[in-house]
Amino acid sequence: MSLTDALKALLLGGIEGLTEFLPVSSTGHLLLVGHFLGFESKGKTFEVLVQLGAILAILLVYARKIISIILGLKDDPKARHFVFAVLLAFLPAALIGAFAHSFIKSVLFNPLIVCTMLIAGGLVLLAVEDLAPQARYDDAMDMPLKTALLVGLFQCVAMVPGVSRSGATIVSAMFLGASKRAAAEFSFFLAMPTMAGAFAYDLFKNYKLLEFNDVALIVIGFVAAFVSGLFVVRGFLQFVSRHGFSFFAWWRIIVGTLGLAGLFLLR
């Protein structure tokens, strides 16, 4: 493993943690930056497995609430409802992801698709705050099961890199009656089984391809994703509650446009 590769893994891991929980598409950013850096991982495993760092970051931040929910499963109907809602929302991605795994990584992991989806998603985010209906609930634990399932179906759209898993789930939850804060928090909790499932499935499919250097780069990226993810998870809810999504919308449009320009100028 060269120092250059290690630095690239560190940078990409940091980008993963910074973008995973924002509506800007972490996978899209990893694929785009990796493309221009000349970073290639076997079977595109780095881009998926490095998400473990972001998973652990959100588990740490929400550890107290997670423990409270687990302890309340026996006697608290609200805790049972919330856990079932998250698992129900996770189900569509689990089924579609398992069947479409090879197609997604071989066809859709494409910088041109990423740039297009970044711009399109940015335009959607700009429209969200004006079009979303009045929020009916401000607590993620109150999300109805039907709404949770619909959010889970929208999450599947984010299997196209550049769409953004968090963006798809937050926007759909808001249109289905959640406040900005409730939508973002439900997206955080839905990320836990979704990203853990993607990690486990991709590792199962590709572990034979991995050599020591590949594992070392993934570990470096994991640590960087964990550290940077901690900062984002702690501050994101407050930010969107106060400022909305326009910053992230314009970020997507600018990155997507610069990416398209780079692809055409440097080909």
Protein backbone atom coordinates (compact mmCIF):
# COMPACT_ATOMS: atom_id res chain seq x y z
CA MET A 1 0.00 0.00 0.00
CA SER A 2 1.50 3.29 -1.10
CA LEU A 3 1.28 6.54 0.87
CA THR A 4 -0.66 8.05 -2.03
CA ASP A 5 -3.30 5.33 -1.88
CA ALA A 6 -3.53 5.71 1.91
CA LEU A 7 -4.08 9.47 1.58
CA LYS A 8 -6.73 8.90 -1.06
CA ALA A 9 -8.50 6.41 1.23
CA LEU A 10 -8.31 8.90 4.09
CA LEU A 11 -9.81 11.67 1.95
CA LEU A 12 -12.57 9.45 0.56
CA GLY A 13 -13.40 8.10 4.01
CA GLY A 14 -13.70 11.66 5.31
CA ILE A 15 -16.00 12.52 2.42
CA GLU A 16 -18.14 9.44 3.18
CA GLY A 17 -18.64 10.48 6.80
CA LEU A 18 -19.33 14.11 5.91
CA THR A 19 -21.89 13.32 3.22
CA GLU A 20 -23.59 10.07 4.29
CA PHE A 21 -26.29 11.72 6.38
CA LEU A 22 -26.65 14.85 4.25
CA PRO A 23 -29.03 14.93 1.24
CA VAL A 24 -26.12 15.15 -1.21
CA SER A 25 -25.32 11.45 -1.99
CA SER A 26 -22.23 10.05 -0.28
CA THR A 27 -21.80 7.27 -2.86
CA GLY A 28 -22.09 9.82 -5.65
CA HIS A 29 -19.38 11.95 -4.09
CA LEU A 30 -17.13 8.92 -3.52
CA LEU A 31 -17.50 7.74 -7.11
CA LEU A 32 -16.94 11.21 -8.54
CA VAL A 33 -13.94 12.14 -6.41
CA GLY A 34 -12.51 8.62 -6.78
CA HIS A 35 -12.83 8.89 -10.56
CA PHE A 36 -10.85 12.13 -10.74
CA LEU A 37 -8.26 10.84 -8.23
CA GLY A 38 -7.82 7.63 -10.20
CA PHE A 39 -8.86 5.56 -7.17
CA GLU A 40 -10.10 2.09 -8.11
CA SER A 41 -11.32 -0.48 -5.60
CA LYS A 42 -11.91 -4.13 -6.46
CA GLY A 43 -15.57 -4.71 -7.17
CA LYS A 44 -16.26 -1.15 -5.92
CA THR A 45 -16.08 -2.62 -2.40
CA PHE A 46 -14.39 0.38 -0.77
CA GLU A 47 -17.31 2.66 -1.59
CA VAL A 48 -19.73 0.31 0.21
CA LEU A 49 -17.67 -1.16 3.04
CA VAL A 50 -16.32 2.19 4.22
CA GLN A 51 -19.90 3.03 5.25
CA LEU A 52 -19.30 0.97 8.40
CA GLY A 53 -17.54 3.99 9.90
CA ALA A 54 -20.60 6.18 9.35
CA ILE A 55 -22.86 3.45 10.80
CA LEU A 56 -20.82 3.34 14.00
CA ALA A 57 -20.84 7.13 14.22
CA ILE A 58 -24.63 7.30 14.23
CA LEU A 59 -24.85 4.37 16.65
CA LEU A 60 -22.60 6.24 19.07
CA VAL A 61 -24.50 9.52 18.79
CA TYR A 62 -27.87 7.81 19.28
CA ALA A 63 -26.65 5.16 21.75
CA ARG A 64 -28.73 6.47 24.66
CA LYS A 65 -31.93 6.65 22.59
CA ILE A 66 -31.30 3.23 21.02
CA ILE A 67 -30.82 1.66 24.46
CA SER A 68 -33.98 3.38 25.71
CA ILE A 69 -35.98 2.01 22.77
CA ILE A 70 -34.61 -1.51 23.25
CA LEU A 71 -35.39 -1.46 26.97
CA GLY A 72 -38.89 -0.21 26.21
CA LEU A 73 -39.78 -2.92 23.70
CA LYS A 74 -41.46 -5.07 26.32
CA ASP A 75 -43.74 -2.46 27.89
CA ASP A 76 -43.80 0.57 25.58
CA PRO A 77 -46.12 0.31 22.53
CA LYS A 78 -44.52 3.45 21.03
CA ALA A 79 -41.06 1.84 21.09
CA ARG A 80 -42.41 -1.34 19.46
CA HIS A 81 -44.23 0.72 16.84
CA PHE A 82 -41.08 2.68 15.99
CA VAL A 83 -38.86 -0.41 15.65
CA PHE A 84 -41.46 -2.08 13.42
CA ALA A 85 -41.77 1.10 11.32
CA VAL A 86 -37.99 1.23 10.74
CA LEU A 87 -37.82 -2.48 9.84
CA LEU A 88 -40.82 -2.12 7.51
CA ALA A 89 -39.15 0.85 5.78
CA PHE A 90 -35.93 -1.17 5.45
CA LEU A 91 -37.62 -4.16 3.78
CA PRO A 92 -37.96 -2.77 0.19
CA ALA A 93 -34.26 -1.82 0.00
CA ALA A 94 -33.25 -5.22 1.39
CA LEU A 95 -35.23 -7.09 -1.27
CA ILE A 96 -34.42 -4.88 -4.26
CA GLY A 97 -30.78 -4.44 -3.23
CA ALA A 98 -30.22 -8.19 -3.06
CA PHE A 99 -31.69 -8.82 -6.50
CA ALA A 100 -30.21 -5.76 -8.24
CA HIS A 101 -26.79 -5.70 -6.53
CA SER A 102 -24.74 -6.68 -9.59
CA PHE A 103 -26.63 -4.37 -11.96
CA ILE A 104 -26.27 -1.40 -9.61
CA LYS A 105 -22.51 -1.75 -9.23
CA SER A 106 -21.72 -2.69 -12.84
CA VAL A 107 -24.02 -0.23 -14.63
CA LEU A 108 -25.15 2.55 -12.30
CA PHE A 109 -21.81 3.24 -10.58
CA ASN A 110 -21.06 5.69 -13.36
CA PRO A 111 -19.73 9.28 -12.96
CA LEU A 112 -22.00 10.62 -15.71
CA ILE A 113 -25.10 9.21 -13.99
CA VAL A 114 -23.85 10.60 -10.67
CA CYS A 115 -23.50 14.16 -12.02
CA THR A 116 -26.91 14.06 -13.69
CA MET A 117 -28.61 12.81 -10.53
CA LEU A 118 -26.81 15.35 -8.34
CA ILE A 119 -28.18 18.22 -10.43
CA ALA A 120 -31.68 16.74 -10.69
CA GLY A 121 -31.80 16.06 -6.95
CA GLY A 122 -30.64 19.59 -6.21
CA LEU A 123 -33.54 21.00 -8.22
CA VAL A 124 -35.93 18.76 -6.28
CA LEU A 125 -34.54 19.98 -2.95
CA LEU A 126 -35.00 23.60 -4.01
CA ALA A 127 -38.68 22.90 -4.59
CA VAL A 128 -39.23 20.89 -1.39
CA GLU A 129 -39.70 23.69 1.10
CA ASP A 130 -42.34 25.44 -1.02
CA LEU A 131 -44.25 22.31 -2.01
CA ALA A 132 -44.14 20.18 1.14
CA PRO A 133 -47.45 20.21 3.07
CA GLN A 134 -47.84 21.40 6.66
CA ALA A 135 -46.17 18.94 9.04
CA ARG A 136 -48.58 16.72 10.98
CA TYR A 137 -46.03 15.32 13.47
CA ASP A 138 -42.66 16.37 14.83
CA ASP A 139 -41.49 13.09 16.38
CA ALA A 140 -39.96 10.35 14.22
CA MET A 141 -41.37 7.75 16.61
CA ASP A 142 -44.92 8.79 15.65
CA MET A 143 -44.51 7.94 11.96
CA PRO A 144 -47.44 5.79 10.75
CA LEU A 145 -46.56 2.35 9.38
CA LYS A 146 -47.98 3.13 5.93
CA THR A 147 -45.85 6.27 5.77
CA ALA A 148 -42.76 4.33 6.88
CA LEU A 149 -43.30 1.78 4.11
CA LEU A 150 -43.67 4.53 1.50
CA VAL A 151 -40.48 6.19 2.74
CA GLY A 152 -38.76 2.80 2.41
CA LEU A 153 -39.94 2.51 -1.20
CA PHE A 154 -38.60 5.98 -1.97
CA GLN A 155 -35.29 4.98 -0.38
CA CYS A 156 -34.87 2.43 -3.18
CA VAL A 157 -34.61 5.26 -5.71
CA ALA A 158 -31.32 6.15 -4.02
CA MET A 159 -29.78 2.92 -5.30
CA VAL A 160 -28.99 5.11 -8.30
CA PRO A 161 -25.76 6.87 -7.19
CA GLY A 162 -26.19 10.62 -6.99
CA VAL A 163 -29.81 10.48 -5.82
CA SER A 164 -28.93 10.33 -2.08
CA ARG A 165 -30.42 7.87 0.38
CA SER A 166 -30.91 10.50 3.05
CA GLY A 167 -32.30 12.96 0.50
CA ALA A 168 -34.88 10.48 -0.81
CA THR A 169 -36.03 9.46 2.66
CA ILE A 170 -36.12 12.98 4.14
CA VAL A 171 -37.96 14.52 1.19
CA SER A 172 -40.51 11.70 0.98
CA ALA A 173 -41.13 11.80 4.75
CA MET A 174 -41.72 15.56 4.60
CA PHE A 175 -44.21 15.19 1.76
CA LEU A 176 -45.97 12.50 3.78
CA GLY A 177 -46.44 14.76 6.81
CA ALA A 178 -43.22 14.72 8.86
CA SER A 179 -41.49 17.87 10.03
CA LYS A 180 -37.93 18.53 8.83
CA ARG A 181 -36.54 17.29 12.14
CA ALA A 182 -38.73 14.16 12.31
CA ALA A 183 -37.95 13.31 8.67
CA ALA A 184 -34.20 13.68 9.23
CA GLU A 185 -34.24 11.64 12.43
CA PHE A 186 -36.25 8.82 10.86
CA SER A 187 -33.75 8.85 7.99
CA PHE A 188 -30.92 8.44 10.53
CA PHE A 189 -32.54 5.42 12.15
CA LEU A 190 -33.43 3.88 8.78
CA ALA A 191 -29.78 4.27 7.77
CA MET A 192 -28.71 1.82 10.48
CA PRO A 193 -30.24 -1.41 9.09
CA THR A 194 -29.94 -0.22 5.48
CA MET A 195 -26.22 0.53 5.61
CA ALA A 196 -25.45 -2.44 7.85
CA GLY A 197 -27.29 -4.70 5.40
CA ALA A 198 -25.46 -3.23 2.41
CA PHE A 199 -22.14 -3.67 4.21
CA ALA A 200 -22.83 -7.30 5.15
CA TYR A 201 -24.14 -8.27 1.71
CA ASP A 202 -21.30 -6.60 -0.19
CA LEU A 203 -18.71 -8.18 2.10
CA PHE A 204 -20.32 -11.60 1.60
CA LYS A 205 -20.27 -11.16 -2.19
CA ASN A 206 -16.72 -9.77 -2.49
CA TYR A 207 -14.60 -10.91 0.47
CA LYS A 208 -12.69 -13.36 -1.74
CA LEU A 209 -11.51 -10.47 -3.92
CA LEU A 210 -9.98 -8.55 -1.04
CA GLU A 211 -6.25 -8.66 -0.33
CA PHE A 212 -4.34 -7.16 2.59
CA ASN A 213 -3.85 -3.79 0.88
CA ASP A 214 -7.56 -3.56 0.06
CA VAL A 215 -8.50 -4.26 3.68
CA ALA A 216 -5.94 -1.72 4.95
CA LEU A 217 -7.40 1.00 2.70
CA ILE A 218 -10.93 0.15 3.85
CA VAL A 219 -9.83 0.40 7.50
CA ILE A 220 -8.28 3.84 6.87
CA GLY A 221 -11.45 4.98 5.14
CA PHE A 222 -13.58 3.53 7.93
CA VAL A 223 -11.75 5.51 10.62
CA ALA A 224 -12.01 8.73 8.62
CA ALA A 225 -15.73 8.13 7.97
CA PHE A 226 -16.35 7.49 11.66
CA VAL A 227 -14.66 10.69 12.83
CA SER A 228 -16.17 12.97 10.20
CA GLY A 229 -19.59 11.31 10.56
CA LEU A 230 -19.71 12.20 14.25
CA PHE A 231 -19.57 15.92 13.47
CA VAL A 232 -22.30 15.77 10.83
CA VAL A 233 -24.79 13.70 12.82
CA ARG A 234 -24.48 16.00 15.82
CA GLY A 235 -25.12 19.19 13.86
CA PHE A 236 -27.38 18.25 10.94
CA LEU A 237 -30.74 18.22 12.75
CA GLN A 238 -30.20 21.69 14.17
CA PHE A 239 -29.02 23.02 10.81
CA VAL A 240 -32.01 21.83 8.76
CA SER A 241 -34.46 22.90 11.45
CA ARG A 242 -33.14 26.45 11.18
CA HIS A 243 -32.00 26.79 7.57
CA GLY A 244 -33.76 24.11 5.51
CA PHE A 245 -32.23 22.37 2.49
CA SER A 246 -31.34 25.14 0.04
CA PHE A 247 -27.62 25.01 0.92
CA PHE A 248 -27.48 21.29 0.09
CA ALA A 249 -29.52 21.82 -3.08
CA TRP A 250 -27.07 24.38 -4.43
CA TRP A 251 -24.13 22.23 -3.32
CA ARG A 252 -25.51 19.32 -5.38
CA ILE A 253 -26.07 21.50 -8.45
CA ILE A 254 -22.59 23.04 -8.27
CA VAL A 255 -20.80 19.70 -7.71
CA GLY A 256 -22.82 18.01 -10.46
CA THR A 257 -22.13 20.81 -12.92
CA LEU A 258 -18.39 20.88 -12.14
CA GLY A 259 -18.32 17.11 -12.42
CA LEU A 260 -19.93 17.17 -15.87
CA ALA A 261 -17.48 19.84 -16.99
CA GLY A 262 -14.56 17.78 -15.72
CA LEU A 263 -15.80 14.61 -17.39
CA PHE A 264 -16.10 16.30 -20.78
CA LEU A 265 -12.92 18.36 -20.54
CA LEU A 266 -10.67 15.58 -19.23
CA ARG A 267 -11.91 12.63 -21.26
